Amino acid sequence: MSFLNATQKMAADFVREEDGAQIVEYGMIIGAVSLVLIALLSGLGGTGGAFTTMVGKVKTCLGGGACT
């Protein structure tokens, strides 16, 4: 088998491989559930609660502001 054929076979096997896709999908699901939980729980802290303060800091950080 020539180098070109071996490289072509490795590339085709890599494209058919689906194990890594499941990890990405699980990560996206965990991220989405986390965002929903943060949105739902942010109302529990009141106006000066620690959770509300933390959510505000996360929003600032994700929005491009200073992460403290």
Protein backbone atom coordinates (compact mmCIF):
# COMPACT_ATOMS: atom_id res chain seq x y z
CA MET A 1 0.00 0.00 0.00
CA SER A 2 1.44 3.35 -0.95
CA PHE A 3 1.71 6.36 1.33
CA LEU A 4 -1.05 8.16 -0.59
CA ASN A 5 -3.45 5.21 -0.28
CA ALA A 6 -2.70 4.83 3.43
CA THR A 7 -3.28 8.56 4.03
CA GLN A 8 -6.52 8.44 2.06
CA LYS A 9 -7.73 5.42 4.08
CA MET A 10 -6.86 7.15 7.39
CA ALA A 11 -8.76 10.29 6.32
CA ALA A 12 -11.82 8.25 5.32
CA ASP A 13 -11.75 6.35 8.65
CA PHE A 14 -11.46 9.64 10.56
CA VAL A 15 -14.51 11.11 8.76
CA ARG A 16 -16.59 8.00 9.55
CA GLU A 17 -15.62 8.04 13.25
CA GLU A 18 -18.46 9.36 15.42
CA ASP A 19 -17.22 8.87 18.99
CA GLY A 20 -16.13 12.48 19.44
CA ALA A 21 -19.47 13.84 18.21
CA GLN A 22 -21.27 12.35 21.21
CA ILE A 23 -18.98 14.15 23.63
CA VAL A 24 -19.66 17.47 21.89
CA GLU A 25 -23.41 16.84 21.97
CA TYR A 26 -23.35 16.04 25.70
CA GLY A 27 -21.34 19.20 26.32
CA MET A 28 -23.88 21.29 24.44
CA ILE A 29 -26.76 19.73 26.39
CA ILE A 30 -25.02 20.38 29.72
CA GLY A 31 -24.34 23.98 28.69
CA ALA A 32 -27.96 24.58 27.66
CA VAL A 33 -29.33 23.07 30.87
CA SER A 34 -26.90 25.16 32.92
CA LEU A 35 -28.03 28.37 31.24
CA VAL A 36 -31.68 27.51 31.84
CA LEU A 37 -30.99 26.76 35.52
CA ILE A 38 -29.11 30.04 35.95
CA ALA A 39 -31.99 31.92 34.35
CA LEU A 40 -34.57 30.20 36.57
CA LEU A 41 -32.57 30.50 39.79
CA SER A 42 -31.57 34.12 39.27
CA GLY A 43 -35.00 35.22 40.47
CA LEU A 44 -34.53 33.48 43.82
CA GLY A 45 -31.82 35.80 45.12
CA GLY A 46 -33.85 38.95 45.48
CA THR A 47 -32.29 42.30 44.62
CA GLY A 48 -29.21 41.99 46.82
CA GLY A 49 -28.79 38.21 47.05
CA ALA A 50 -25.47 36.48 46.55
CA PHE A 51 -26.82 34.38 43.68
CA THR A 52 -28.08 37.46 41.84
CA THR A 53 -24.69 39.12 42.33
CA MET A 54 -22.91 36.05 40.93
CA VAL A 55 -25.25 35.89 37.93
CA GLY A 56 -24.59 39.56 37.24
CA LYS A 57 -20.84 38.95 37.30
CA VAL A 58 -21.18 35.99 34.91
CA LYS A 59 -23.31 38.07 32.53
CA THR A 60 -20.72 40.86 32.60
CA CYS A 61 -17.88 38.44 31.98
CA LEU A 62 -19.67 36.66 29.11
CA GLY A 63 -20.66 40.01 27.63
CA GLY A 64 -17.03 41.04 27.24
CA GLY A 65 -16.70 43.01 30.45
CA ALA A 66 -14.15 42.59 33.21
CA CYS A 67 -14.20 39.12 34.80
CA THR A 68 -13.72 39.54 38.56
